Amino acid sequence: MEIINATPHPVDIVDSEQKIIRSFPPSGILPRLVENSSDLDPLDGIPITSKSFGEIQNLPEEREEVYYIVSALVFNAAPDRHDLLVPNVVRDSQGKIVGASGFSRIAKKVFNLRRTSCSI
């Protein structure tokens, strides 16, 4: 099994005392969502834009036993990909991210098919 960090920064897994127990360096693979924006009317003199996100770019195809650590945006844009991991963020008392306690992934869909009968 291989876990590839597809974010631009190291992802550190920390224990309950916030000590690093494993680190995943950036791989250079950077999936991103296509960003679309348009200008809106300013708010109190501050520029405002409308932003939406489109398709995912630079995300490798799924491979057996290979998992990719990705941003929450990419993770949420690919609900059918079961090889994507998003860090479970751990913050210190000042709110600064110090690492992750582990990862979350999208659960595989399980269908419960029940046999039903109808009479006409």
PDB file of N, CA and C in Angstrom:
ATOM      1  N   MET A   1       0.840  -1.176   0.000  1.00  0.00           N
ATOM      2  CA  MET A   1       0.000   0.000   0.000  1.00  0.00           C
ATOM      3  C   MET A   1       0.888   1.243   0.000  1.00  0.00           C
ATOM      4  N   GLU A   2       0.430   2.266  -0.732  1.00  0.00           N
ATOM      5  CA  GLU A   2       1.195   3.504  -0.833  1.00  0.00           C
ATOM      6  C   GLU A   2       0.265   4.685  -0.568  1.00  0.00           C
ATOM      7  N   ILE A   3       0.731   5.650   0.229  1.00  0.00           N
ATOM      8  CA  ILE A   3       0.001   6.888   0.478  1.00  0.00           C
ATOM      9  C   ILE A   3       0.832   8.025  -0.086  1.00  0.00           C
ATOM     10  N   ILE A   4       0.250   8.760  -1.030  1.00  0.00           N
ATOM     11  CA  ILE A   4       0.944   9.844  -1.721  1.00  0.00           C
ATOM     12  C   ILE A   4       0.326  11.172  -1.307  1.00  0.00           C
ATOM     13  N   ASN A   5       1.164  12.096  -0.871  1.00  0.00           N
ATOM     14  CA  ASN A   5       0.700  13.419  -0.468  1.00  0.00           C
ATOM     15  C   ASN A   5       0.567  14.298  -1.704  1.00  0.00           C
ATOM     16  N   ALA A   6      -0.679  14.550  -2.107  1.00  0.00           N
ATOM     17  CA  ALA A   6      -0.956  15.386  -3.274  1.00  0.00           C
ATOM     18  C   ALA A   6      -1.392  16.787  -2.834  1.00  0.00           C
ATOM     19  N   THR A   7      -0.712  17.317  -1.814  1.00  0.00           N
ATOM     20  CA  THR A   7      -0.905  18.698  -1.375  1.00  0.00           C
ATOM     21  C   THR A   7       0.455  19.396  -1.475  1.00  0.00           C
ATOM     22  N   PRO A   8       0.489  20.726  -1.432  1.00  0.00           N
ATOM     23  CA  PRO A   8       1.771  21.426  -1.586  1.00  0.00           C
ATOM     24  C   PRO A   8       2.599  21.528  -0.302  1.00  0.00           C
ATOM     25  N   HIS A   9       2.137  20.935   0.786  1.00  0.00           N
ATOM     26  CA  HIS A   9       2.849  21.052   2.053  1.00  0.00           C
ATOM     27  C   HIS A   9       2.954  19.688   2.737  1.00  0.00           C
ATOM     28  N   PRO A  10       3.900  19.508   3.647  1.00  0.00           N
ATOM     29  CA  PRO A  10       3.992  18.229   4.365  1.00  0.00           C
ATOM     30  C   PRO A  10       2.724  17.983   5.193  1.00  0.00           C
ATOM     31  N   VAL A  11       2.331  16.739   5.304  1.00  0.00           N
ATOM     32  CA  VAL A  11       1.215  16.364   6.171  1.00  0.00           C
ATOM     33  C   VAL A  11       1.799  15.485   7.267  1.00  0.00           C
ATOM     34  N   ASP A  12       1.701  15.966   8.517  1.00  0.00           N
ATOM     35  CA  ASP A  12       2.236  15.252   9.670  1.00  0.00           C
ATOM     36  C   ASP A  12       1.109  14.607  10.460  1.00  0.00           C
ATOM     37  N   ILE A  13       1.275  13.324  10.769  1.00  0.00           N
ATOM     38  CA  ILE A  13       0.337  12.629  11.647  1.00  0.00           C
ATOM     39  C   ILE A  13       0.896  12.763  13.057  1.00  0.00           C
ATOM     40  N   VAL A  14       0.044  13.213  13.977  1.00  0.00           N
ATOM     41  CA  VAL A  14       0.492  13.436  15.354  1.00  0.00           C
ATOM     42  C   VAL A  14      -0.281  12.539  16.308  1.00  0.00           C
ATOM     43  N   ASP A  15       0.362  12.234  17.440  1.00  0.00           N
ATOM     44  CA  ASP A  15      -0.304  11.432  18.471  1.00  0.00           C
ATOM     45  C   ASP A  15      -1.096  12.345  19.411  1.00  0.00           C
ATOM     46  N   SER A  16      -1.624  11.783  20.477  1.00  0.00           N
ATOM     47  CA  SER A  16      -2.471  12.559  21.394  1.00  0.00           C
ATOM     48  C   SER A  16      -1.712  13.673  22.112  1.00  0.00           C
ATOM     49  N   GLU A  17      -0.376  13.603  22.121  1.00  0.00           N
ATOM     50  CA  GLU A  17       0.445  14.659  22.721  1.00  0.00           C
ATOM     51  C   GLU A  17       0.985  15.623  21.673  1.00  0.00           C
ATOM     52  N   GLN A  18       0.459  15.517  20.444  1.00  0.00           N
ATOM     53  CA  GLN A  18       0.827  16.355  19.305  1.00  0.00           C
ATOM     54  C   GLN A  18       2.277  16.168  18.870  1.00  0.00           C
ATOM     55  N   LYS A  19       2.819  14.981  19.109  1.00  0.00           N
ATOM     56  CA  LYS A  19       4.157  14.640  18.620  1.00  0.00           C
ATOM     57  C   LYS A  19       4.006  13.947  17.263  1.00  0.00           C
ATOM     58  N   ILE A  20       4.861  14.325  16.325  1.00  0.00           N
ATOM     59  CA  ILE A  20       4.800  13.758  14.975  1.00  0.00           C
ATOM     60  C   ILE A  20       5.210  12.287  15.019  1.00  0.00           C
ATOM     61  N   ILE A  21       4.328  11.433  14.503  1.00  0.00           N
ATOM     62  CA  ILE A  21       4.635   9.999  14.445  1.00  0.00           C
ATOM     63  C   ILE A  21       4.837   9.515  13.008  1.00  0.00           C
ATOM     64  N   ARG A  22       4.412  10.331  12.047  1.00  0.00           N
ATOM     65  CA  ARG A  22       4.634   9.994  10.643  1.00  0.00           C
ATOM     66  C   ARG A  22       4.472  11.267   9.829  1.00  0.00           C
ATOM     67  N   SER A  23       5.270  11.404   8.792  1.00  0.00           N
ATOM     68  CA  SER A  23       5.201  12.594   7.957  1.00  0.00           C
ATOM     69  C   SER A  23       5.147  12.181   6.486  1.00  0.00           C
ATOM     70  N   PHE A  24       4.318  12.891   5.738  1.00  0.00           N
ATOM     71  CA  PHE A  24       4.173  12.640   4.302  1.00  0.00           C
ATOM     72  C   PHE A  24       4.600  13.895   3.559  1.00  0.00           C
ATOM     73  N   PRO A  25       5.773  13.873   2.913  1.00  0.00           N
ATOM     74  CA  PRO A  25       6.233  15.063   2.183  1.00  0.00           C
ATOM     75  C   PRO A  25       5.407  15.262   0.909  1.00  0.00           C
ATOM     76  N   PRO A  26       5.365  16.508   0.396  1.00  0.00           N
ATOM     77  CA  PRO A  26       4.653  16.743  -0.865  1.00  0.00           C
ATOM     78  C   PRO A  26       5.274  15.920  -1.990  1.00  0.00           C
ATOM     79  N   SER A  27       4.439  15.387  -2.864  1.00  0.00           N
ATOM     80  CA  SER A  27       4.923  14.536  -3.959  1.00  0.00           C
ATOM     81  C   SER A  27       5.153  15.314  -5.248  1.00  0.00           C
ATOM     82  N   GLY A  28       4.609  16.532  -5.321  1.00  0.00           N
ATOM     83  CA  GLY A  28       4.667  17.284  -6.573  1.00  0.00           C
ATOM     84  C   GLY A  28       3.395  17.117  -7.393  1.00  0.00           C
ATOM     85  N   ILE A  29       2.561  16.137  -7.030  1.00  0.00           N
ATOM     86  CA  ILE A  29       1.251  15.963  -7.664  1.00  0.00           C
ATOM     87  C   ILE A  29       0.309  16.958  -6.993  1.00  0.00           C
ATOM     88  N   LEU A  30      -0.301  17.852  -7.770  1.00  0.00           N
ATOM     89  CA  LEU A  30      -1.161  18.885  -7.197  1.00  0.00           C
ATOM     90  C   LEU A  30      -2.502  18.966  -7.912  1.00  0.00           C
ATOM     91  N   PRO A  31      -3.455  18.114  -7.526  1.00  0.00           N
ATOM     92  CA  PRO A  31      -4.781  18.238  -8.127  1.00  0.00           C
ATOM     93  C   PRO A  31      -5.458  19.525  -7.669  1.00  0.00           C
ATOM     94  N   ARG A  32      -6.151  20.149  -8.577  1.00  0.00           N
ATOM     95  CA  ARG A  32      -6.834  21.406  -8.290  1.00  0.00           C
ATOM     96  C   ARG A  32      -8.173  21.398  -8.993  1.00  0.00           C
ATOM     97  N   LEU A  33      -9.083  22.231  -8.487  1.00  0.00           N
ATOM     98  CA  LEU A  33     -10.355  22.424  -9.162  1.00  0.00           C
ATOM     99  C   LEU A  33     -10.254  23.651 -10.051  1.00  0.00           C
ATOM    100  N   VAL A  34     -10.848  23.583 -11.234  1.00  0.00           N
ATOM    101  CA  VAL A  34     -10.911  24.743 -12.111  1.00  0.00           C
ATOM    102  C   VAL A  34     -11.751  25.792 -11.385  1.00  0.00           C
ATOM    103  N   GLU A  35     -11.212  27.006 -11.320  1.00  0.00           N
ATOM    104  CA  GLU A  35     -11.881  28.099 -10.609  1.00  0.00           C
ATOM    105  C   GLU A  35     -12.493  29.070 -11.608  1.00  0.00           C
ATOM    106  N   ASN A  36     -13.754  29.397 -11.369  1.00  0.00           N
ATOM    107  CA  ASN A  36     -14.437  30.397 -12.189  1.00  0.00           C
ATOM    108  C   ASN A  36     -14.864  31.527 -11.274  1.00  0.00           C
ATOM    109  N   SER A  37     -14.600  32.762 -11.690  1.00  0.00           N
ATOM    110  CA  SER A  37     -15.023  33.885 -10.855  1.00  0.00           C
ATOM    111  C   SER A  37     -15.481  35.044 -11.728  1.00  0.00           C
ATOM    112  N   SER A  38     -16.339  35.851 -11.160  1.00  0.00           N
ATOM    113  CA  SER A  38     -16.790  37.065 -11.834  1.00  0.00           C
ATOM    114  C   SER A  38     -16.950  38.149 -10.777  1.00  0.00           C
ATOM    115  N   ASP A  39     -16.732  39.369 -11.196  1.00  0.00           N
ATOM    116  CA  ASP A  39     -16.809  40.501 -10.273  1.00  0.00           C
ATOM    117  C   ASP A  39     -18.247  40.812  -9.899  1.00  0.00           C
ATOM    118  N   LEU A  40     -18.448  41.129  -8.633  1.00  0.00           N
ATOM    119  CA  LEU A  40     -19.735  41.592  -8.124  1.00  0.00           C
ATOM    120  C   LEU A  40     -19.565  43.033  -7.669  1.00  0.00           C
ATOM    121  N   ASP A  41     -20.635  43.629  -7.213  1.00  0.00           N
ATOM    122  CA  ASP A  41     -20.537  44.985  -6.688  1.00  0.00           C
ATOM    123  C   ASP A  41     -19.699  44.980  -5.415  1.00  0.00           C
ATOM    124  N   PRO A  42     -18.865  46.004  -5.243  1.00  0.00           N
ATOM    125  CA  PRO A  42     -18.046  46.086  -4.026  1.00  0.00           C
ATOM    126  C   PRO A  42     -18.920  46.213  -2.777  1.00  0.00           C
ATOM    127  N   LEU A  43     -18.388  45.777  -1.658  1.00  0.00           N
ATOM    128  CA  LEU A  43     -19.030  45.921  -0.352  1.00  0.00           C
ATOM    129  C   LEU A  43     -18.197  46.886   0.460  1.00  0.00           C
ATOM    130  N   ASP A  44     -18.736  48.034   0.744  1.00  0.00           N
ATOM    131  CA  ASP A  44     -18.037  49.040   1.534  1.00  0.00           C
ATOM    132  C   ASP A  44     -16.657  49.339   0.950  1.00  0.00           C
ATOM    133  N   GLY A  45     -16.592  49.391  -0.392  1.00  0.00           N
ATOM    134  CA  GLY A  45     -15.345  49.708  -1.072  1.00  0.00           C
ATOM    135  C   GLY A  45     -14.406  48.527  -1.260  1.00  0.00           C
ATOM    136  N   ILE A  46     -14.810  47.340  -0.805  1.00  0.00           N
ATOM    137  CA  ILE A  46     -13.964  46.150  -0.911  1.00  0.00           C
ATOM    138  C   ILE A  46     -14.426  45.310  -2.099  1.00  0.00           C
ATOM    139  N   PRO A  47     -13.498  44.945  -3.009  1.00  0.00           N
ATOM    140  CA  PRO A  47     -13.893  44.142  -4.168  1.00  0.00           C
ATOM    141  C   PRO A  47     -14.465  42.781  -3.731  1.00  0.00           C
ATOM    142  N   ILE A  48     -15.553  42.364  -4.387  1.00  0.00           N
ATOM    143  CA  ILE A  48     -16.201  41.087  -4.110  1.00  0.00           C
ATOM    144  C   ILE A  48     -16.347  40.338  -5.431  1.00  0.00           C
ATOM    145  N   THR A  49     -16.077  39.057  -5.415  1.00  0.00           N
ATOM    146  CA  THR A  49     -16.267  38.226  -6.594  1.00  0.00           C
ATOM    147  C   THR A  49     -17.183  37.056  -6.258  1.00  0.00           C
ATOM    148  N   SER A  50     -17.811  36.538  -7.278  1.00  0.00           N
ATOM    149  CA  SER A  50     -18.587  35.305  -7.182  1.00  0.00           C
ATOM    150  C   SER A  50     -17.658  34.198  -7.670  1.00  0.00           C
ATOM    151  N   LYS A  51     -17.513  33.138  -6.878  1.00  0.00           N
ATOM    152  CA  LYS A  51     -16.575  32.081  -7.228  1.00  0.00           C
ATOM    153  C   LYS A  51     -17.289  30.741  -7.247  1.00  0.00           C
ATOM    154  N   SER A  52     -16.963  29.939  -8.248  1.00  0.00           N
ATOM    155  CA  SER A  52     -17.450  28.563  -8.309  1.00  0.00           C
ATOM    156  C   SER A  52     -16.300  27.669  -8.751  1.00  0.00           C
ATOM    157  N   PHE A  53     -16.451  26.405  -8.479  1.00  0.00           N
ATOM    158  CA  PHE A  53     -15.389  25.451  -8.802  1.00  0.00           C
ATOM    159  C   PHE A  53     -15.922  24.417  -9.782  1.00  0.00           C
ATOM    160  N   GLY A  54     -15.078  24.065 -10.732  1.00  0.00           N
ATOM    161  CA  GLY A  54     -15.458  23.110 -11.770  1.00  0.00           C
ATOM    162  C   GLY A  54     -14.750  21.785 -11.616  1.00  0.00           C
ATOM    163  N   GLU A  55     -14.322  21.250 -12.730  1.00  0.00           N
ATOM    164  CA  GLU A  55     -13.733  19.908 -12.756  1.00  0.00           C
ATOM    165  C   GLU A  55     -12.363  19.866 -12.079  1.00  0.00           C
ATOM    166  N   ILE A  56     -11.980  18.662 -11.706  1.00  0.00           N
ATOM    167  CA  ILE A  56     -10.677  18.436 -11.073  1.00  0.00           C
ATOM    168  C   ILE A  56      -9.627  18.268 -12.163  1.00  0.00           C
ATOM    169  N   GLN A  57      -8.505  18.937 -11.982  1.00  0.00           N
ATOM    170  CA  GLN A  57      -7.365  18.783 -12.887  1.00  0.00           C
ATOM    171  C   GLN A  57      -6.208  18.148 -12.120  1.00  0.00           C
ATOM    172  N   ASN A  58      -5.378  17.408 -12.830  1.00  0.00           N
ATOM    173  CA  ASN A  58      -4.129  16.828 -12.303  1.00  0.00           C
ATOM    174  C   ASN A  58      -4.335  15.768 -11.220  1.00  0.00           C
ATOM    175  N   LEU A  59      -5.480  15.100 -11.205  1.00  0.00           N
ATOM    176  CA  LEU A  59      -5.696  14.009 -10.257  1.00  0.00           C
ATOM    177  C   LEU A  59      -5.437  12.701 -10.986  1.00  0.00           C
ATOM    178  N   PRO A  60      -4.442  11.925 -10.537  1.00  0.00           N
ATOM    179  CA  PRO A  60      -4.158  10.653 -11.205  1.00  0.00           C
ATOM    180  C   PRO A  60      -5.347   9.694 -11.148  1.00  0.00           C
ATOM    181  N   GLU A  61      -5.372   8.774 -12.087  1.00  0.00           N
ATOM    182  CA  GLU A  61      -6.401   7.734 -12.092  1.00  0.00           C
ATOM    183  C   GLU A  61      -6.241   6.853 -10.851  1.00  0.00           C
ATOM    184  N   GLU A  62      -7.328   6.224 -10.435  1.00  0.00           N
ATOM    185  CA  GLU A  62      -7.260   5.298  -9.296  1.00  0.00           C
ATOM    186  C   GLU A  62      -6.369   4.116  -9.652  1.00  0.00           C
ATOM    187  N   ARG A  63      -5.594   3.674  -8.671  1.00  0.00           N
ATOM    188  CA  ARG A  63      -4.750   2.481  -8.802  1.00  0.00           C
ATOM    189  C   ARG A  63      -4.937   1.630  -7.561  1.00  0.00           C
ATOM    190  N   GLU A  64      -4.837   0.353  -7.725  1.00  0.00           N
ATOM    191  CA  GLU A  64      -4.985  -0.587  -6.619  1.00  0.00           C
ATOM    192  C   GLU A  64      -3.954  -0.294  -5.526  1.00  0.00           C
ATOM    193  N   GLU A  65      -4.427  -0.169  -4.290  1.00  0.00           N
ATOM    194  CA  GLU A  65      -3.573   0.003  -3.109  1.00  0.00           C
ATOM    195  C   GLU A  65      -2.769   1.311  -3.096  1.00  0.00           C
ATOM    196  N   VAL A  66      -3.238   2.331  -3.834  1.00  0.00           N
ATOM    197  CA  VAL A  66      -2.599   3.650  -3.815  1.00  0.00           C
ATOM    198  C   VAL A  66      -3.644   4.667  -3.362  1.00  0.00           C
ATOM    199  N   TYR A  67      -3.271   5.479  -2.360  1.00  0.00           N
ATOM    200  CA  TYR A  67      -4.163   6.484  -1.802  1.00  0.00           C
ATOM    201  C   TYR A  67      -3.504   7.850  -1.931  1.00  0.00           C
ATOM    202  N   TYR A  68      -4.325   8.883  -2.150  1.00  0.00           N
ATOM    203  CA  TYR A  68      -3.822  10.236  -2.318  1.00  0.00           C
ATOM    204  C   TYR A  68      -4.373  11.140  -1.225  1.00  0.00           C
ATOM    205  N   ILE A  69      -3.483  11.851  -0.528  1.00  0.00           N
ATOM    206  CA  ILE A  69      -3.889  12.882   0.423  1.00  0.00           C
ATOM    207  C   ILE A  69      -4.176  14.126  -0.407  1.00  0.00           C
ATOM    208  N   VAL A  70      -5.399  14.668  -0.259  1.00  0.00           N
ATOM    209  CA  VAL A  70      -5.810  15.815  -1.070  1.00  0.00           C
ATOM    210  C   VAL A  70      -6.474  16.870  -0.186  1.00  0.00           C
ATOM    211  N   SER A  71      -6.706  18.040  -0.769  1.00  0.00           N
ATOM    212  CA  SER A  71      -7.419  19.112  -0.062  1.00  0.00           C
ATOM    213  C   SER A  71      -8.886  18.723   0.111  1.00  0.00           C
ATOM    214  N   ALA A  72      -9.547  19.380   1.042  1.00  0.00           N
ATOM    215  CA  ALA A  72     -10.973  19.126   1.269  1.00  0.00           C
ATOM    216  C   ALA A  72     -11.797  19.471   0.028  1.00  0.00           C
ATOM    217  N   LEU A  73     -11.394  20.506  -0.714  1.00  0.00           N
ATOM    218  CA  LEU A  73     -12.119  20.859  -1.941  1.00  0.00           C
ATOM    219  C   LEU A  73     -12.082  19.728  -2.959  1.00  0.00           C
ATOM    220  N   VAL A  74     -10.897  19.186  -3.190  1.00  0.00           N
ATOM    221  CA  VAL A  74     -10.757  18.079  -4.141  1.00  0.00           C
ATOM    222  C   VAL A  74     -11.512  16.855  -3.627  1.00  0.00           C
ATOM    223  N   PHE A  75     -11.348  16.562  -2.355  1.00  0.00           N
ATOM    224  CA  PHE A  75     -12.014  15.418  -1.713  1.00  0.00           C
ATOM    225  C   PHE A  75     -13.528  15.484  -1.927  1.00  0.00           C
ATOM    226  N   ASN A  76     -14.122  16.650  -1.661  1.00  0.00           N
ATOM    227  CA  ASN A  76     -15.573  16.801  -1.783  1.00  0.00           C
ATOM    228  C   ASN A  76     -16.054  16.839  -3.228  1.00  0.00           C
ATOM    229  N   ALA A  77     -15.168  17.171  -4.157  1.00  0.00           N
ATOM    230  CA  ALA A  77     -15.547  17.232  -5.570  1.00  0.00           C
ATOM    231  C   ALA A  77     -15.502  15.873  -6.250  1.00  0.00           C
ATOM    232  N   ALA A  78     -15.021  14.860  -5.537  1.00  0.00           N
ATOM    233  CA  ALA A  78     -14.867  13.526  -6.138  1.00  0.00           C
ATOM    234  C   ALA A  78     -15.508  12.449  -5.261  1.00  0.00           C
ATOM    235  N   PRO A  79     -16.834  12.501  -5.072  1.00  0.00           N
ATOM    236  CA  PRO A  79     -17.487  11.562  -4.150  1.00  0.00           C
ATOM    237  C   PRO A  79     -17.423  10.091  -4.575  1.00  0.00           C
ATOM    238  N   ASP A  80     -17.080   9.825  -5.834  1.00  0.00           N
ATOM    239  CA  ASP A  80     -16.987   8.440  -6.291  1.00  0.00           C
ATOM    240  C   ASP A  80     -15.573   7.874  -6.208  1.00  0.00           C
ATOM    241  N   ARG A  81     -14.635   8.680  -5.733  1.00  0.00           N
ATOM    242  CA  ARG A  81     -13.249   8.220  -5.602  1.00  0.00           C
ATOM    243  C   ARG A  81     -13.016   7.747  -4.175  1.00  0.00           C
ATOM    244  N   HIS A  82     -12.676   6.495  -4.031  1.00  0.00           N
ATOM    245  CA  HIS A  82     -12.473   5.908  -2.706  1.00  0.00           C
ATOM    246  C   HIS A  82     -10.993   5.816  -2.339  1.00  0.00           C
ATOM    247  N   ASP A  83     -10.149   6.413  -3.171  1.00  0.00           N
ATOM    248  CA  ASP A  83      -8.712   6.404  -2.923  1.00  0.00           C
ATOM    249  C   ASP A  83      -8.212   7.755  -2.403  1.00  0.00           C
ATOM    250  N   LEU A  84      -9.128   8.661  -2.094  1.00  0.00           N
ATOM    251  CA  LEU A  84      -8.734   9.997  -1.639  1.00  0.00           C
ATOM    252  C   LEU A  84      -8.851  10.102  -0.127  1.00  0.00           C
ATOM    253  N   LEU A  85      -7.849  10.734   0.467  1.00  0.00           N
ATOM    254  CA  LEU A  85      -7.796  10.929   1.916  1.00  0.00           C
ATOM    255  C   LEU A  85      -7.713  12.418   2.209  1.00  0.00           C
ATOM    256  N   VAL A  86      -8.395  12.842   3.264  1.00  0.00           N
ATOM    257  CA  VAL A  86      -8.297  14.229   3.703  1.00  0.00           C
ATOM    258  C   VAL A  86      -7.859  14.195   5.171  1.00  0.00           C
ATOM    259  N   PRO A  87      -6.889  15.023   5.553  1.00  0.00           N
ATOM    260  CA  PRO A  87      -6.392  15.000   6.937  1.00  0.00           C
ATOM    261  C   PRO A  87      -7.455  15.412   7.951  1.00  0.00           C
ATOM    262  N   ASN A  88      -7.474  14.711   9.092  1.00  0.00           N
ATOM    263  CA  ASN A  88      -8.285  15.103  10.250  1.00  0.00           C
ATOM    264  C   ASN A  88      -7.420  16.056  11.065  1.00  0.00           C
ATOM    265  N   VAL A  89      -7.637  17.334  10.870  1.00  0.00           N
ATOM    266  CA  VAL A  89      -6.764  18.387  11.394  1.00  0.00           C
ATOM    267  C   VAL A  89      -6.762  18.432  12.921  1.00  0.00           C
ATOM    268  N   VAL A  90      -5.551  18.622  13.484  1.00  0.00           N
ATOM    269  CA  VAL A  90      -5.361  18.842  14.921  1.00  0.00           C
ATOM    270  C   VAL A  90      -4.792  20.246  15.081  1.00  0.00           C
ATOM    271  N   ARG A  91      -5.385  21.023  15.993  1.00  0.00           N
ATOM    272  CA  ARG A  91      -4.934  22.401  16.238  1.00  0.00           C
ATOM    273  C   ARG A  91      -4.427  22.533  17.673  1.00  0.00           C
ATOM    274  N   ASP A  92      -3.492  23.467  17.848  1.00  0.00           N
ATOM    275  CA  ASP A  92      -3.014  23.745  19.203  1.00  0.00           C
ATOM    276  C   ASP A  92      -3.975  24.709  19.886  1.00  0.00           C
ATOM    277  N   SER A  93      -3.653  25.138  21.096  1.00  0.00           N
ATOM    278  CA  SER A  93      -4.550  25.994  21.883  1.00  0.00           C
ATOM    279  C   SER A  93      -4.759  27.372  21.256  1.00  0.00           C
ATOM    280  N   GLN A  94      -3.862  27.789  20.347  1.00  0.00           N
ATOM    281  CA  GLN A  94      -4.022  29.070  19.650  1.00  0.00           C
ATOM    282  C   GLN A  94      -4.739  28.903  18.309  1.00  0.00           C
ATOM    283  N   GLY A  95      -5.142  27.687  17.979  1.00  0.00           N
ATOM    284  CA  GLY A  95      -5.852  27.430  16.733  1.00  0.00           C
ATOM    285  C   GLY A  95      -4.963  27.117  15.550  1.00  0.00           C
ATOM    286  N   LYS A  96      -3.650  27.070  15.751  1.00  0.00           N
ATOM    287  CA  LYS A  96      -2.707  26.773  14.673  1.00  0.00           C
ATOM    288  C   LYS A  96      -2.727  25.272  14.374  1.00  0.00           C
ATOM    289  N   ILE A  97      -2.728  24.925  13.097  1.00  0.00           N
ATOM    290  CA  ILE A  97      -2.687  23.510  12.712  1.00  0.00           C
ATOM    291  C   ILE A  97      -1.317  22.943  13.051  1.00  0.00           C
ATOM    292  N   VAL A  98      -1.310  21.850  13.815  1.00  0.00           N
ATOM    293  CA  VAL A  98      -0.047  21.202  14.191  1.00  0.00           C
ATOM    294  C   VAL A  98       0.130  19.850  13.512  1.00  0.00           C
ATOM    295  N   GLY A  99      -0.896  19.384  12.863  1.00  0.00           N
ATOM    296  CA  GLY A  99      -0.813  18.093  12.193  1.00  0.00           C
ATOM    297  C   GLY A  99      -2.197  17.508  11.997  1.00  0.00           C
ATOM    298  N   ALA A 100      -2.239  16.198  11.841  1.00  0.00           N
ATOM    299  CA  ALA A 100      -3.499  15.475  11.660  1.00  0.00           C
ATOM    300  C   ALA A 100      -3.485  14.239  12.552  1.00  0.00           C
ATOM    301  N   SER A 101      -4.657  13.899  13.057  1.00  0.00           N
ATOM    302  CA  SER A 101      -4.768  12.708  13.891  1.00  0.00           C
ATOM    303  C   SER A 101      -4.916  11.453  13.037  1.00  0.00           C
ATOM    304  N   GLY A 102      -5.175  11.637  11.775  1.00  0.00           N
ATOM    305  CA  GLY A 102      -5.379  10.540  10.829  1.00  0.00           C
ATOM    306  C   GLY A 102      -6.031  11.110   9.586  1.00  0.00           C
ATOM    307  N   PHE A 103      -6.729  10.266   8.855  1.00  0.00           N
ATOM    308  CA  PHE A 103      -7.364  10.684   7.611  1.00  0.00           C
ATOM    309  C   PHE A 103      -8.827  10.259   7.587  1.00  0.00           C
ATOM    310  N   SER A 104      -9.601  10.939   6.768  1.00  0.00           N
ATOM    311  CA  SER A 104     -10.969  10.523   6.455  1.00  0.00           C
ATOM    312  C   SER A 104     -10.999  10.165   4.987  1.00  0.00           C
ATOM    313  N   ARG A 105     -11.888   9.242   4.647  1.00  0.00           N
ATOM    314  CA  ARG A 105     -12.109   8.923   3.245  1.00  0.00           C
ATOM    315  C   ARG A 105     -13.585   8.688   3.027  1.00  0.00           C
ATOM    316  N   ILE A 106     -14.000   8.751   1.794  1.00  0.00           N
ATOM    317  CA  ILE A 106     -15.402   8.543   1.458  1.00  0.00           C
ATOM    318  C   ILE A 106     -15.695   7.054   1.549  1.00  0.00           C
ATOM    319  N   ALA A 107     -16.741   6.733   2.289  1.00  0.00           N
ATOM    320  CA  ALA A 107     -17.119   5.332   2.447  1.00  0.00           C
ATOM    321  C   ALA A 107     -17.671   4.791   1.138  1.00  0.00           C
ATOM    322  N   LYS A 108     -17.354   3.549   0.862  1.00  0.00           N
ATOM    323  CA  LYS A 108     -17.923   2.909  -0.319  1.00  0.00           C
ATOM    324  C   LYS A 108     -19.410   2.717  -0.095  1.00  0.00           C
ATOM    325  N   LYS A 109     -20.173   2.927  -1.154  1.00  0.00           N
ATOM    326  CA  LYS A 109     -21.618   2.767  -1.054  1.00  0.00           C
ATOM    327  C   LYS A 109     -21.956   1.286  -0.940  1.00  0.00           C
ATOM    328  N   VAL A 110     -22.861   0.989  -0.030  1.00  0.00           N
ATOM    329  CA  VAL A 110     -23.333  -0.381   0.134  1.00  0.00           C
ATOM    330  C   VAL A 110     -24.833  -0.352  -0.120  1.00  0.00           C
ATOM    331  N   PHE A 111     -25.258  -1.175  -1.019  1.00  0.00           N
ATOM    332  CA  PHE A 111     -26.672  -1.214  -1.347  1.00  0.00           C
ATOM    333  C   PHE A 111     -27.311  -2.430  -0.692  1.00  0.00           C
ATOM    334  N   ASN A 112     -28.458  -2.218  -0.093  1.00  0.00           N
ATOM    335  CA  ASN A 112     -29.227  -3.297   0.508  1.00  0.00           C
ATOM    336  C   ASN A 112     -30.399  -3.568  -0.421  1.00  0.00           C
ATOM    337  N   LEU A 113     -30.272  -4.594  -1.213  1.00  0.00           N
ATOM    338  CA  LEU A 113     -31.331  -4.933  -2.152  1.00  0.00           C
ATOM    339  C   LEU A 113     -32.217  -6.000  -1.512  1.00  0.00           C
ATOM    340  N   ARG A 114     -33.478  -5.670  -1.389  1.00  0.00           N
ATOM    341  CA  ARG A 114     -34.433  -6.630  -0.833  1.00  0.00           C
ATOM    342  C   ARG A 114     -35.353  -7.090  -1.948  1.00  0.00           C
ATOM    343  N   ARG A 115     -35.623  -8.344  -1.936  1.00  0.00           N
ATOM    344  CA  ARG A 115     -36.532  -8.898  -2.915  1.00  0.00           C
ATOM    345  C   ARG A 115     -37.965  -8.598  -2.480  1.00  0.00           C
ATOM    346  N   THR A 116     -38.716  -8.010  -3.362  1.00  0.00           N
ATOM    347  CA  THR A 116     -40.115  -7.731  -3.068  1.00  0.00           C
ATOM    348  C   THR A 116     -40.977  -8.400  -4.125  1.00  0.00           C
ATOM    349  N   SER A 117     -42.177  -8.733  -3.760  1.00  0.00           N
ATOM    350  CA  SER A 117     -43.082  -9.337  -4.739  1.00  0.00           C
ATOM    351  C   SER A 117     -44.374  -8.546  -4.776  1.00  0.00           C
ATOM    352  N   CYS A 118     -44.955  -8.506  -5.924  1.00  0.00           N
ATOM    353  CA  CYS A 118     -46.221  -7.797  -6.118  1.00  0.00           C
ATOM    354  C   CYS A 118     -47.214  -8.735  -6.775  1.00  0.00           C
ATOM    355  N   SER A 119     -48.452  -8.582  -6.418  1.00  0.00           N
ATOM    356  CA  SER A 119     -49.525  -9.328  -7.069  1.00  0.00           C
ATOM    357  C   SER A 119     -50.404  -8.346  -7.797  1.00  0.00           C
ATOM    358  N   ILE A 120     -50.836  -8.736  -8.976  1.00  0.00           N
ATOM    359  CA  ILE A 120     -51.742  -7.881  -9.725  1.00  0.00           C
ATOM    360  C   ILE A 120     -53.080  -8.575  -9.804  1.00  0.00           C
TER     361      ILE A 120
END
